[in-house]
Protein backbone atom coordinates (compact mmCIF):
# COMPACT_ATOMS: atom_id res chain seq x y z
CA UNK A 1 -14.54 -27.94 -24.64
CA UNK A 2 -15.46 -24.62 -23.51
CA UNK A 3 -12.65 -22.44 -22.04
CA UNK A 4 -13.44 -19.79 -19.39
CA UNK A 5 -11.46 -16.59 -19.04
CA UNK A 6 -11.18 -14.93 -15.72
CA UNK A 7 -13.05 -11.89 -15.19
CA UNK A 8 -10.82 -8.64 -15.69
CA UNK A 9 -10.67 -5.61 -13.43
CA UNK A 10 -11.77 -2.32 -15.18
CA UNK A 11 -10.42 0.72 -13.41
CA UNK A 12 -12.76 3.55 -12.45
CA UNK A 13 -10.27 6.30 -12.51
CA UNK A 14 -9.30 8.57 -15.49
CA UNK A 15 -5.67 9.31 -14.62
CA UNK A 16 -3.22 6.52 -15.53
CA UNK A 17 -1.39 6.44 -12.29
CA UNK A 18 -4.76 6.02 -10.42
CA UNK A 19 -5.80 3.42 -12.77
CA UNK A 20 -2.39 1.31 -12.18
CA UNK A 21 -2.77 1.73 -8.36
CA UNK A 22 -6.29 0.34 -8.45
CA UNK A 23 -5.32 -2.61 -10.70
CA UNK A 24 -2.14 -3.31 -8.43
CA UNK A 25 -4.74 -3.29 -5.40
CA UNK A 26 -7.10 -5.30 -6.95
CA UNK A 27 -4.29 -8.05 -7.83
CA UNK A 28 -2.98 -7.97 -4.18
CA UNK A 29 0.67 -6.75 -5.20
CA UNK A 30 2.85 -6.00 -2.34
CA UNK A 31 3.53 -2.50 -1.37
CA UNK A 32 7.22 -2.41 -2.61
CA UNK A 33 6.19 -3.86 -5.96
CA UNK A 34 3.50 -1.09 -6.41
CA UNK A 35 6.07 1.41 -5.43
CA UNK A 36 8.45 -0.03 -8.02
CA UNK A 37 5.80 -0.11 -10.75
CA UNK A 38 4.71 3.28 -10.24
CA UNK A 39 8.27 4.63 -10.18
CA UNK A 40 9.16 2.97 -13.49
CA UNK A 41 5.77 4.15 -15.20
CA UNK A 42 6.45 7.83 -14.03
CA UNK A 43 9.98 7.43 -15.22
CA UNK A 44 8.65 6.02 -18.73
CA UNK A 45 6.23 8.64 -19.13
CA UNK A 46 8.49 11.69 -18.57
């Protein structure tokens, strides 16, 4: 039996937060979820 893996999205941007925004947009995440994810990534990186 052959398993099929869904195609993954490859961000076009170089910057981390821009890549995150692209992936979240691609996956149709809600606006509040995107804001929360971006906040926590910024917090972690600092």
